[in-house]
PDB file of N, CA and C in Angstrom:
ATOM      1  N   MET A   1     -23.543 -25.822   0.467  1.00  0.00           N
ATOM      2  CA  MET A   1     -22.721 -24.994   1.321  1.00  0.00           C
ATOM      3  C   MET A   1     -21.328 -24.902   0.696  1.00  0.00           C
ATOM      4  N   GLN A   2     -20.725 -23.751   0.844  1.00  0.00           N
ATOM      5  CA  GLN A   2     -19.412 -23.497   0.260  1.00  0.00           C
ATOM      6  C   GLN A   2     -18.529 -22.812   1.298  1.00  0.00           C
ATOM      7  N   LYS A   3     -17.275 -23.264   1.424  1.00  0.00           N
ATOM      8  CA  LYS A   3     -16.336 -22.685   2.383  1.00  0.00           C
ATOM      9  C   LYS A   3     -15.096 -22.208   1.645  1.00  0.00           C
ATOM     10  N   PHE A   4     -14.618 -21.002   1.985  1.00  0.00           N
ATOM     11  CA  PHE A   4     -13.374 -20.495   1.436  1.00  0.00           C
ATOM     12  C   PHE A   4     -12.869 -19.350   2.300  1.00  0.00           C
ATOM     13  N   SER A   5     -11.615 -18.974   2.081  1.00  0.00           N
ATOM     14  CA  SER A   5     -10.990 -17.875   2.811  1.00  0.00           C
ATOM     15  C   SER A   5     -10.375 -16.898   1.828  1.00  0.00           C
ATOM     16  N   LEU A   6     -10.314 -15.644   2.243  1.00  0.00           N
ATOM     17  CA  LEU A   6      -9.642 -14.594   1.487  1.00  0.00           C
ATOM     18  C   LEU A   6      -8.578 -13.992   2.383  1.00  0.00           C
ATOM     19  N   VAL A   7      -7.406 -13.705   1.826  1.00  0.00           N
ATOM     20  CA  VAL A   7      -6.367 -12.995   2.559  1.00  0.00           C
ATOM     21  C   VAL A   7      -6.228 -11.637   1.902  1.00  0.00           C
ATOM     22  N   LEU A   8      -6.447 -10.591   2.702  1.00  0.00           N
ATOM     23  CA  LEU A   8      -6.467  -9.224   2.190  1.00  0.00           C
ATOM     24  C   LEU A   8      -5.431  -8.358   2.910  1.00  0.00           C
ATOM     25  N   GLU A   9      -5.147  -7.208   2.326  1.00  0.00           N
ATOM     26  CA  GLU A   9      -4.093  -6.334   2.836  1.00  0.00           C
ATOM     27  C   GLU A   9      -4.522  -5.459   4.014  1.00  0.00           C
ATOM     28  N   SER A  10      -5.819  -5.199   4.184  1.00  0.00           N
ATOM     29  CA  SER A  10      -6.260  -4.283   5.230  1.00  0.00           C
ATOM     30  C   SER A  10      -7.702  -4.572   5.640  1.00  0.00           C
ATOM     31  N   PHE A  11      -8.105  -3.961   6.768  1.00  0.00           N
ATOM     32  CA  PHE A  11      -9.494  -4.088   7.204  1.00  0.00           C
ATOM     33  C   PHE A  11     -10.438  -3.412   6.216  1.00  0.00           C
ATOM     34  N   GLU A  12     -10.000  -2.337   5.577  1.00  0.00           N
ATOM     35  CA  GLU A  12     -10.838  -1.670   4.568  1.00  0.00           C
ATOM     36  C   GLU A  12     -11.155  -2.619   3.421  1.00  0.00           C
ATOM     37  N   LYS A  13     -10.143  -3.360   2.964  1.00  0.00           N
ATOM     38  CA  LYS A  13     -10.360  -4.345   1.892  1.00  0.00           C
ATOM     39  C   LYS A  13     -11.288  -5.457   2.375  1.00  0.00           C
ATOM     40  N   ALA A  14     -11.157  -5.852   3.633  1.00  0.00           N
ATOM     41  CA  ALA A  14     -12.031  -6.877   4.200  1.00  0.00           C
ATOM     42  C   ALA A  14     -13.473  -6.390   4.250  1.00  0.00           C
ATOM     43  N   GLU A  15     -13.659  -5.130   4.632  1.00  0.00           N
ATOM     44  CA  GLU A  15     -15.011  -4.558   4.655  1.00  0.00           C
ATOM     45  C   GLU A  15     -15.602  -4.507   3.254  1.00  0.00           C
ATOM     46  N   GLN A  16     -14.799  -4.154   2.262  1.00  0.00           N
ATOM     47  CA  GLN A  16     -15.267  -4.119   0.879  1.00  0.00           C
ATOM     48  C   GLN A  16     -15.666  -5.517   0.422  1.00  0.00           C
ATOM     49  N   ALA A  17     -14.862  -6.509   0.781  1.00  0.00           N
ATOM     50  CA  ALA A  17     -15.158  -7.893   0.390  1.00  0.00           C
ATOM     51  C   ALA A  17     -16.433  -8.392   1.052  1.00  0.00           C
ATOM     52  N   THR A  18     -16.602  -8.124   2.356  1.00  0.00           N
ATOM     53  CA  THR A  18     -17.816  -8.583   3.035  1.00  0.00           C
ATOM     54  C   THR A  18     -19.053  -7.867   2.502  1.00  0.00           C
ATOM     55  N   ASP A  19     -18.911  -6.588   2.166  1.00  0.00           N
ATOM     56  CA  ASP A  19     -20.022  -5.847   1.567  1.00  0.00           C
ATOM     57  C   ASP A  19     -20.402  -6.459   0.215  1.00  0.00           C
ATOM     58  N   LEU A  20     -19.404  -6.777  -0.579  1.00  0.00           N
ATOM     59  CA  LEU A  20     -19.647  -7.404  -1.878  1.00  0.00           C
ATOM     60  C   LEU A  20     -20.360  -8.745  -1.701  1.00  0.00           C
ATOM     61  N   LEU A  21     -19.894  -9.543  -0.755  1.00  0.00           N
ATOM     62  CA  LEU A  21     -20.509 -10.854  -0.512  1.00  0.00           C
ATOM     63  C   LEU A  21     -21.948 -10.730  -0.026  1.00  0.00           C
ATOM     64  N   TRP A  22     -22.194  -9.895   0.983  1.00  0.00           N
ATOM     65  CA  TRP A  22     -23.522  -9.787   1.585  1.00  0.00           C
ATOM     66  C   TRP A  22     -24.517  -9.061   0.695  1.00  0.00           C
ATOM     67  N   ARG A  23     -24.147  -7.866   0.243  1.00  0.00           N
ATOM     68  CA  ARG A  23     -25.118  -7.016  -0.448  1.00  0.00           C
ATOM     69  C   ARG A  23     -25.253  -7.319  -1.934  1.00  0.00           C
ATOM     70  N   GLN A  24     -24.148  -7.506  -2.621  1.00  0.00           N
ATOM     71  CA  GLN A  24     -24.216  -7.657  -4.067  1.00  0.00           C
ATOM     72  C   GLN A  24     -24.402  -9.109  -4.509  1.00  0.00           C
ATOM     73  N   MET A  25     -23.764 -10.049  -3.782  1.00  0.00           N
ATOM     74  CA  MET A  25     -23.855 -11.456  -4.181  1.00  0.00           C
ATOM     75  C   MET A  25     -24.911 -12.228  -3.409  1.00  0.00           C
ATOM     76  N   GLY A  26     -25.474 -11.612  -2.383  1.00  0.00           N
ATOM     77  CA  GLY A  26     -26.552 -12.250  -1.631  1.00  0.00           C
ATOM     78  C   GLY A  26     -26.134 -13.441  -0.785  1.00  0.00           C
ATOM     79  N   VAL A  27     -24.870 -13.462  -0.355  1.00  0.00           N
ATOM     80  CA  VAL A  27     -24.373 -14.571   0.455  1.00  0.00           C
ATOM     81  C   VAL A  27     -24.993 -14.508   1.843  1.00  0.00           C
ATOM     82  N   ARG A  28     -25.426 -15.634   2.331  1.00  0.00           N
ATOM     83  CA  ARG A  28     -25.905 -15.772   3.698  1.00  0.00           C
ATOM     84  C   ARG A  28     -25.140 -16.934   4.320  1.00  0.00           C
ATOM     85  N   GLY A  29     -24.827 -16.800   5.576  1.00  0.00           N
ATOM     86  CA  GLY A  29     -24.050 -17.814   6.271  1.00  0.00           C
ATOM     87  C   GLY A  29     -23.167 -17.131   7.289  1.00  0.00           C
ATOM     88  N   GLU A  30     -21.903 -17.546   7.378  1.00  0.00           N
ATOM     89  CA  GLU A  30     -20.984 -16.987   8.355  1.00  0.00           C
ATOM     90  C   GLU A  30     -19.806 -16.337   7.650  1.00  0.00           C
ATOM     91  N   ILE A  31     -19.447 -15.140   8.111  1.00  0.00           N
ATOM     92  CA  ILE A  31     -18.259 -14.448   7.623  1.00  0.00           C
ATOM     93  C   ILE A  31     -17.490 -13.978   8.850  1.00  0.00           C
ATOM     94  N   GLU A  32     -16.236 -14.407   8.958  1.00  0.00           N
ATOM     95  CA  GLU A  32     -15.402 -14.047  10.096  1.00  0.00           C
ATOM     96  C   GLU A  32     -14.179 -13.298   9.592  1.00  0.00           C
ATOM     97  N   VAL A  33     -13.872 -12.161  10.210  1.00  0.00           N
ATOM     98  CA  VAL A  33     -12.708 -11.357   9.860  1.00  0.00           C
ATOM     99  C   VAL A  33     -11.660 -11.548  10.954  1.00  0.00           C
ATOM    100  N   ILE A  34     -10.465 -12.020  10.544  1.00  0.00           N
ATOM    101  CA  ILE A  34      -9.412 -12.372  11.483  1.00  0.00           C
ATOM    102  C   ILE A  34      -8.143 -11.583  11.166  1.00  0.00           C
ATOM    103  N   PRO A  35      -7.633 -10.797  12.112  1.00  0.00           N
ATOM    104  CA  PRO A  35      -6.380 -10.071  11.853  1.00  0.00           C
ATOM    105  C   PRO A  35      -5.191 -11.031  11.848  1.00  0.00           C
ATOM    106  N   LEU A  36      -4.293 -10.824  10.894  1.00  0.00           N
ATOM    107  CA  LEU A  36      -3.044 -11.584  10.805  1.00  0.00           C
ATOM    108  C   LEU A  36      -1.897 -10.590  10.895  1.00  0.00           C
ATOM    109  N   ASN A  37      -0.687 -11.052  10.795  1.00  0.00           N
ATOM    110  CA  ASN A  37       0.482 -10.169  10.825  1.00  0.00           C
ATOM    111  C   ASN A  37       0.500  -9.280   9.595  1.00  0.00           C
ATOM    112  N   GLY A  38      -0.074  -8.082   9.706  1.00  0.00           N
ATOM    113  CA  GLY A  38      -0.076  -7.131   8.605  1.00  0.00           C
ATOM    114  C   GLY A  38      -1.115  -7.394   7.535  1.00  0.00           C
ATOM    115  N   GLN A  39      -1.914  -8.431   7.689  1.00  0.00           N
ATOM    116  CA  GLN A  39      -2.965  -8.752   6.732  1.00  0.00           C
ATOM    117  C   GLN A  39      -4.243  -9.097   7.481  1.00  0.00           C
ATOM    118  N   VAL A  40      -5.293  -9.338   6.726  1.00  0.00           N
ATOM    119  CA  VAL A  40      -6.582  -9.704   7.315  1.00  0.00           C
ATOM    120  C   VAL A  40      -7.113 -10.918   6.559  1.00  0.00           C
ATOM    121  N   LYS A  41      -7.559 -11.914   7.307  1.00  0.00           N
ATOM    122  CA  LYS A  41      -8.145 -13.122   6.711  1.00  0.00           C
ATOM    123  C   LYS A  41      -9.658 -13.072   6.891  1.00  0.00           C
ATOM    124  N   VAL A  42     -10.377 -13.372   5.831  1.00  0.00           N
ATOM    125  CA  VAL A  42     -11.837 -13.423   5.878  1.00  0.00           C
ATOM    126  C   VAL A  42     -12.245 -14.863   5.586  1.00  0.00           C
ATOM    127  N   ASP A  43     -12.798 -15.548   6.590  1.00  0.00           N
ATOM    128  CA  ASP A  43     -13.301 -16.910   6.424  1.00  0.00           C
ATOM    129  C   ASP A  43     -14.786 -16.842   6.104  1.00  0.00           C
ATOM    130  N   VAL A  44     -15.188 -17.551   5.064  1.00  0.00           N
ATOM    131  CA  VAL A  44     -16.580 -17.517   4.608  1.00  0.00           C
ATOM    132  C   VAL A  44     -17.152 -18.933   4.584  1.00  0.00           C
ATOM    133  N   VAL A  45     -18.317 -19.097   5.200  1.00  0.00           N
ATOM    134  CA  VAL A  45     -19.114 -20.311   5.071  1.00  0.00           C
ATOM    135  C   VAL A  45     -20.443 -19.842   4.505  1.00  0.00           C
ATOM    136  N   SER A  46     -20.639 -20.081   3.219  1.00  0.00           N
ATOM    137  CA  SER A  46     -21.794 -19.558   2.510  1.00  0.00           C
ATOM    138  C   SER A  46     -22.859 -20.632   2.317  1.00  0.00           C
ATOM    139  N   GLU A  47     -24.093 -20.270   2.584  1.00  0.00           N
ATOM    140  CA  GLU A  47     -25.204 -21.173   2.301  1.00  0.00           C
ATOM    141  C   GLU A  47     -25.478 -21.224   0.798  1.00  0.00           C
ATOM    142  N   LYS A  48     -25.053 -20.182   0.093  1.00  0.00           N
ATOM    143  CA  LYS A  48     -25.257 -20.080  -1.348  1.00  0.00           C
ATOM    144  C   LYS A  48     -23.962 -20.466  -2.067  1.00  0.00           C
ATOM    145  N   GLU A  49     -24.071 -21.299  -3.086  1.00  0.00           N
ATOM    146  CA  GLU A  49     -22.912 -21.661  -3.892  1.00  0.00           C
ATOM    147  C   GLU A  49     -22.594 -20.523  -4.860  1.00  0.00           C
ATOM    148  N   LEU A  50     -21.375 -20.024  -4.798  1.00  0.00           N
ATOM    149  CA  LEU A  50     -20.953 -18.977  -5.716  1.00  0.00           C
ATOM    150  C   LEU A  50     -20.356 -19.606  -6.973  1.00  0.00           C
ATOM    151  N   THR A  51     -20.564 -18.945  -8.094  1.00  0.00           N
ATOM    152  CA  THR A  51     -19.999 -19.433  -9.346  1.00  0.00           C
ATOM    153  C   THR A  51     -18.517 -19.062  -9.417  1.00  0.00           C
ATOM    154  N   ALA A  52     -17.802 -19.670 -10.340  1.00  0.00           N
ATOM    155  CA  ALA A  52     -16.386 -19.351 -10.540  1.00  0.00           C
ATOM    156  C   ALA A  52     -16.223 -17.877 -10.912  1.00  0.00           C
ATOM    157  N   ALA A  53     -17.137 -17.345 -11.703  1.00  0.00           N
ATOM    158  CA  ALA A  53     -17.073 -15.936 -12.111  1.00  0.00           C
ATOM    159  C   ALA A  53     -17.252 -15.017 -10.895  1.00  0.00           C
ATOM    160  N   GLN A  54     -18.139 -15.363  -9.986  1.00  0.00           N
ATOM    161  CA  GLN A  54     -18.332 -14.571  -8.772  1.00  0.00           C
ATOM    162  C   GLN A  54     -17.090 -14.616  -7.890  1.00  0.00           C
ATOM    163  N   LEU A  55     -16.500 -15.804  -7.755  1.00  0.00           N
ATOM    164  CA  LEU A  55     -15.301 -15.923  -6.952  1.00  0.00           C
ATOM    165  C   LEU A  55     -14.148 -15.112  -7.527  1.00  0.00           C
ATOM    166  N   GLU A  56     -14.062 -15.019  -8.836  1.00  0.00           N
ATOM    167  CA  GLU A  56     -13.002 -14.236  -9.484  1.00  0.00           C
ATOM    168  C   GLU A  56     -13.131 -12.752  -9.184  1.00  0.00           C
ATOM    169  N   LYS A  57     -14.337 -12.282  -8.915  1.00  0.00           N
ATOM    170  CA  LYS A  57     -14.570 -10.862  -8.618  1.00  0.00           C
ATOM    171  C   LYS A  57     -14.119 -10.473  -7.223  1.00  0.00           C
ATOM    172  N   LEU A  58     -13.893 -11.463  -6.355  1.00  0.00           N
ATOM    173  CA  LEU A  58     -13.508 -11.171  -4.972  1.00  0.00           C
ATOM    174  C   LEU A  58     -12.046 -10.747  -4.909  1.00  0.00           C
ATOM    175  N   PRO A  59     -11.752  -9.753  -4.076  1.00  0.00           N
ATOM    176  CA  PRO A  59     -10.360  -9.294  -3.942  1.00  0.00           C
ATOM    177  C   PRO A  59      -9.527 -10.269  -3.114  1.00  0.00           C
ATOM    178  N   GLY A  60      -8.228 -10.113  -3.155  1.00  0.00           N
ATOM    179  CA  GLY A  60      -7.319 -10.884  -2.317  1.00  0.00           C
ATOM    180  C   GLY A  60      -7.010 -12.249  -2.881  1.00  0.00           C
ATOM    181  N   LYS A  61      -6.297 -13.013  -2.070  1.00  0.00           N
ATOM    182  CA  LYS A  61      -5.916 -14.377  -2.435  1.00  0.00           C
ATOM    183  C   LYS A  61      -6.840 -15.343  -1.749  1.00  0.00           C
ATOM    184  N   ARG A  62      -7.344 -16.308  -2.496  1.00  0.00           N
ATOM    185  CA  ARG A  62      -8.223 -17.313  -1.904  1.00  0.00           C
ATOM    186  C   ARG A  62      -7.391 -18.453  -1.368  1.00  0.00           C
ATOM    187  N   GLY A  63      -7.838 -18.943  -0.201  1.00  0.00           N
ATOM    188  CA  GLY A  63      -7.141 -20.069   0.418  1.00  0.00           C
ATOM    189  C   GLY A  63      -8.079 -21.190   0.722  1.00  0.00           C
TER     190      GLY A  63
END
């Protein structure tokens, strides 16, 4: 299991990130989209371990 967060600039970017995780990377688990002050946080709990190269492809800042 792998846990991480992404901080993105908009809901559109969050949708792109979740689409990338679910459809292209095959992530299964929990993905939560949380609005922040002018940004959007995406919390991910993945059943699949992502490689460093896969994580680098994700937009935004990882927390």
